[in-house]
Amino acid sequence: MSRRFVIEAVLVAVYGELMAPSRPVEYLIPYSTILELYEMKDSPEPVMPDPEDDAHVKGKIGELIAFFDDSFNKKKLERALVAPWRPSPPLPINENVTFTVINAVDNAQYGESFDPIETEVVLTSLREKAPILTDQLELMEKIIQAEVPVQVYDVYDFEFAVEDGITADDLMKP
């Protein structure tokens, strides 16, 4: 059985190790985070502080955009976009990684505490009963302060999350 994580699309471009997990992983990606890839790729603002790293990551972002723009994958994405909260059919990346794009909708439930993308990530986690994988310490702190009932892992704890992490079944236990 694969582990499921809610993640922003850019993180799979920034952290290459996320594409080579030790066990099968399904990444649940809010659609709006895919749209952010286009902005990041064309922006003069760096994604990474080091120019070499920035060029590499922007190249990976370009590859990810090309993957989502592929006609076969684009058709799958369009199926998800016909209704709020609808997931796309699985988009296999390799033998251990699958993407599922979620047409997440920011309903302002956490609008005071979280920006729209963070809200969609949190709401996707709640709806799908899947932990969040992030590199944003501020987001983790906001989730804790707001007492949002989701599990969050730092990307640097990815292997732990895949091997020993809490499953959705664990979250449902009293």
Protein backbone atom coordinates (compact mmCIF):
# COMPACT_ATOMS: atom_id res chain seq x y z
CA MET A 1 0.00 0.00 0.00
CA SER A 2 1.34 3.40 -0.90
CA ARG A 3 1.76 6.29 1.50
CA ARG A 4 -0.17 9.42 0.61
CA PHE A 5 1.00 12.99 1.18
CA VAL A 6 -0.45 16.38 0.34
CA ILE A 7 2.29 18.48 -1.22
CA GLU A 8 2.81 21.62 -3.25
CA ALA A 9 3.97 20.87 -6.81
CA VAL A 10 7.15 22.94 -6.53
CA LEU A 11 8.50 20.75 -3.73
CA VAL A 12 8.86 17.72 -6.01
CA ALA A 13 10.98 19.91 -8.30
CA VAL A 14 13.09 21.31 -5.46
CA TYR A 15 13.63 18.05 -3.57
CA GLY A 16 14.67 15.35 -6.02
CA GLU A 17 14.71 12.68 -3.31
CA LEU A 18 10.91 12.91 -3.18
CA MET A 19 10.87 11.27 -6.61
CA ALA A 20 12.86 8.25 -5.38
CA PRO A 21 11.12 7.01 -2.21
CA SER A 22 11.90 3.63 -0.66
CA ARG A 23 8.22 2.60 -0.91
CA PRO A 24 5.30 3.56 -3.16
CA VAL A 25 4.08 7.12 -2.56
CA GLU A 26 1.07 9.00 -3.88
CA TYR A 27 1.40 12.79 -3.87
CA LEU A 28 -1.89 14.68 -3.66
CA ILE A 29 -1.25 18.01 -5.35
CA PRO A 30 -3.72 20.91 -5.19
CA TYR A 31 -4.18 22.18 -8.75
CA SER A 32 -3.44 25.80 -7.82
CA THR A 33 0.10 24.77 -6.87
CA ILE A 34 0.63 23.53 -10.43
CA LEU A 35 -0.41 26.96 -11.70
CA GLU A 36 2.26 28.46 -9.41
CA LEU A 37 4.92 26.52 -11.34
CA TYR A 38 4.32 28.67 -14.43
CA GLU A 39 4.78 31.84 -12.39
CA MET A 40 7.97 30.54 -10.76
CA LYS A 41 9.51 29.39 -14.02
CA ASP A 42 9.06 32.76 -15.74
CA SER A 43 9.70 34.95 -12.71
CA PRO A 44 12.94 36.90 -12.39
CA GLU A 45 12.73 36.16 -8.64
CA PRO A 46 14.99 33.23 -7.69
CA VAL A 47 13.46 30.05 -6.31
CA MET A 48 16.76 29.12 -4.68
CA PRO A 49 19.40 31.48 -3.22
CA ASP A 50 22.35 29.94 -5.12
CA PRO A 51 22.28 30.81 -8.88
CA GLU A 52 23.37 27.28 -9.93
CA ASP A 53 20.74 25.67 -7.71
CA ASP A 54 18.15 28.15 -8.98
CA ALA A 55 18.91 27.30 -12.61
CA HIS A 56 18.70 23.58 -11.81
CA VAL A 57 15.39 23.91 -9.96
CA LYS A 58 13.90 26.11 -12.68
CA GLY A 59 14.89 23.41 -15.16
CA LYS A 60 13.12 20.80 -13.02
CA ILE A 61 10.09 23.10 -12.81
CA GLY A 62 10.12 23.24 -16.62
CA GLU A 63 10.21 19.43 -16.76
CA LEU A 64 7.28 19.21 -14.34
CA ILE A 65 5.29 21.74 -16.40
CA ALA A 66 6.03 19.68 -19.54
CA PHE A 67 4.78 16.57 -17.73
CA PHE A 68 1.49 18.24 -16.77
CA ASP A 69 1.16 19.79 -20.25
CA ASP A 70 1.59 16.42 -21.98
CA SER A 71 -1.68 15.80 -23.86
CA PHE A 72 -2.38 12.49 -22.07
CA ASN A 73 -1.81 13.98 -18.62
CA LYS A 74 -3.62 17.20 -19.53
CA LYS A 75 -6.75 15.17 -20.35
CA LYS A 76 -6.57 13.52 -16.94
CA LEU A 77 -6.19 16.92 -15.26
CA GLU A 78 -9.16 18.33 -17.14
CA ARG A 79 -11.35 15.57 -15.65
CA ALA A 80 -10.49 16.82 -12.17
CA LEU A 81 -11.23 20.43 -13.04
CA VAL A 82 -14.92 19.88 -13.83
CA ALA A 83 -15.94 19.88 -10.16
CA PRO A 84 -14.61 21.21 -6.85
CA TRP A 85 -12.56 18.71 -4.85
CA ARG A 86 -12.52 16.20 -7.64
CA PRO A 87 -9.27 14.20 -7.90
CA SER A 88 -7.63 13.44 -11.23
CA PRO A 89 -7.02 9.86 -12.26
CA PRO A 90 -3.56 8.76 -11.03
CA LEU A 91 -0.61 10.11 -13.00
CA PRO A 92 2.21 7.55 -12.65
CA ILE A 93 5.69 9.06 -12.56
CA ASN A 94 7.79 5.97 -11.91
CA GLU A 95 7.32 2.62 -10.17
CA ASN A 96 7.14 4.25 -6.71
CA VAL A 97 5.61 7.69 -7.37
CA THR A 98 2.13 8.66 -8.48
CA PHE A 99 0.60 12.14 -8.64
CA THR A 100 -3.08 12.79 -8.06
CA VAL A 101 -4.14 16.35 -8.72
CA ILE A 102 -6.98 17.67 -6.58
CA ASN A 103 -9.20 20.52 -7.73
CA ALA A 104 -8.97 22.08 -4.27
CA VAL A 105 -11.08 25.11 -3.46
CA ASP A 106 -10.17 27.77 -0.89
CA ASN A 107 -13.35 28.30 1.09
CA ALA A 108 -11.77 30.87 3.45
CA GLN A 109 -12.26 28.47 6.37
CA TYR A 110 -8.75 29.29 7.51
CA GLY A 111 -8.51 32.63 5.67
CA GLU A 112 -7.37 34.62 8.69
CA SER A 113 -4.43 32.37 9.47
CA PHE A 114 -3.40 30.92 6.10
CA ASP A 115 -2.88 32.25 2.58
CA PRO A 116 -5.05 30.69 -0.20
CA ILE A 117 -2.46 28.06 -1.23
CA GLU A 118 -1.82 27.05 2.40
CA THR A 119 -5.59 26.84 2.94
CA GLU A 120 -5.97 24.52 -0.04
CA VAL A 121 -3.13 22.32 1.21
CA VAL A 122 -4.68 22.12 4.69
CA LEU A 123 -8.20 21.48 3.38
CA THR A 124 -6.90 18.80 0.99
CA SER A 125 -5.18 17.12 3.92
CA LEU A 126 -8.38 17.22 5.97
CA ARG A 127 -10.59 15.94 3.12
CA GLU A 128 -8.20 13.22 1.97
CA LYS A 129 -7.03 12.25 5.47
CA ALA A 130 -3.43 12.43 4.31
CA PRO A 131 -0.48 14.13 6.02
CA ILE A 132 1.11 17.27 4.62
CA LEU A 133 4.71 17.23 3.43
CA THR A 134 6.30 20.69 3.44
CA ASP A 135 9.53 22.62 3.84
CA GLN A 136 7.81 25.70 5.27
CA LEU A 137 8.40 26.00 9.00
CA GLU A 138 5.97 28.94 9.13
CA LEU A 139 3.19 26.74 7.74
CA MET A 140 3.93 24.04 10.31
CA GLU A 141 3.81 26.65 13.09
CA LYS A 142 0.51 28.07 11.79
CA ILE A 143 -1.04 24.59 11.70
CA ILE A 144 0.04 23.95 15.29
CA GLN A 145 -1.10 27.38 16.53
CA ALA A 146 -4.48 27.07 14.79
CA GLU A 147 -4.81 23.51 16.16
CA VAL A 148 -5.73 22.17 12.74
CA PRO A 149 -6.19 18.39 13.07
CA VAL A 150 -3.71 17.33 10.37
CA GLN A 151 -0.38 15.55 10.43
CA VAL A 152 2.57 17.53 9.02
CA TYR A 153 6.03 16.30 8.09
CA ASP A 154 9.07 18.36 7.20
CA VAL A 155 10.58 17.23 3.87
CA TYR A 156 13.79 16.44 5.75
CA ASP A 157 11.81 13.78 7.65
CA PHE A 158 10.51 12.28 4.40
CA GLU A 159 12.07 8.84 4.80
CA PHE A 160 10.71 8.59 8.35
CA ALA A 161 7.27 9.64 7.10
CA VAL A 162 7.37 7.00 4.36
CA GLU A 163 8.70 4.19 6.55
CA ASP A 164 7.35 4.83 10.04
CA GLY A 165 4.93 7.70 9.68
CA ILE A 166 1.38 7.86 10.92
CA THR A 167 -1.17 6.47 8.51
CA ALA A 168 -4.64 7.82 7.82
CA ASP A 169 -6.01 4.91 9.88
CA ASP A 170 -3.95 6.09 12.85
CA LEU A 171 -5.50 9.55 12.54
CA MET A 172 -8.97 8.07 12.77
CA LYS A 173 -8.38 6.19 16.03
CA PRO A 174 -9.85 7.74 19.19
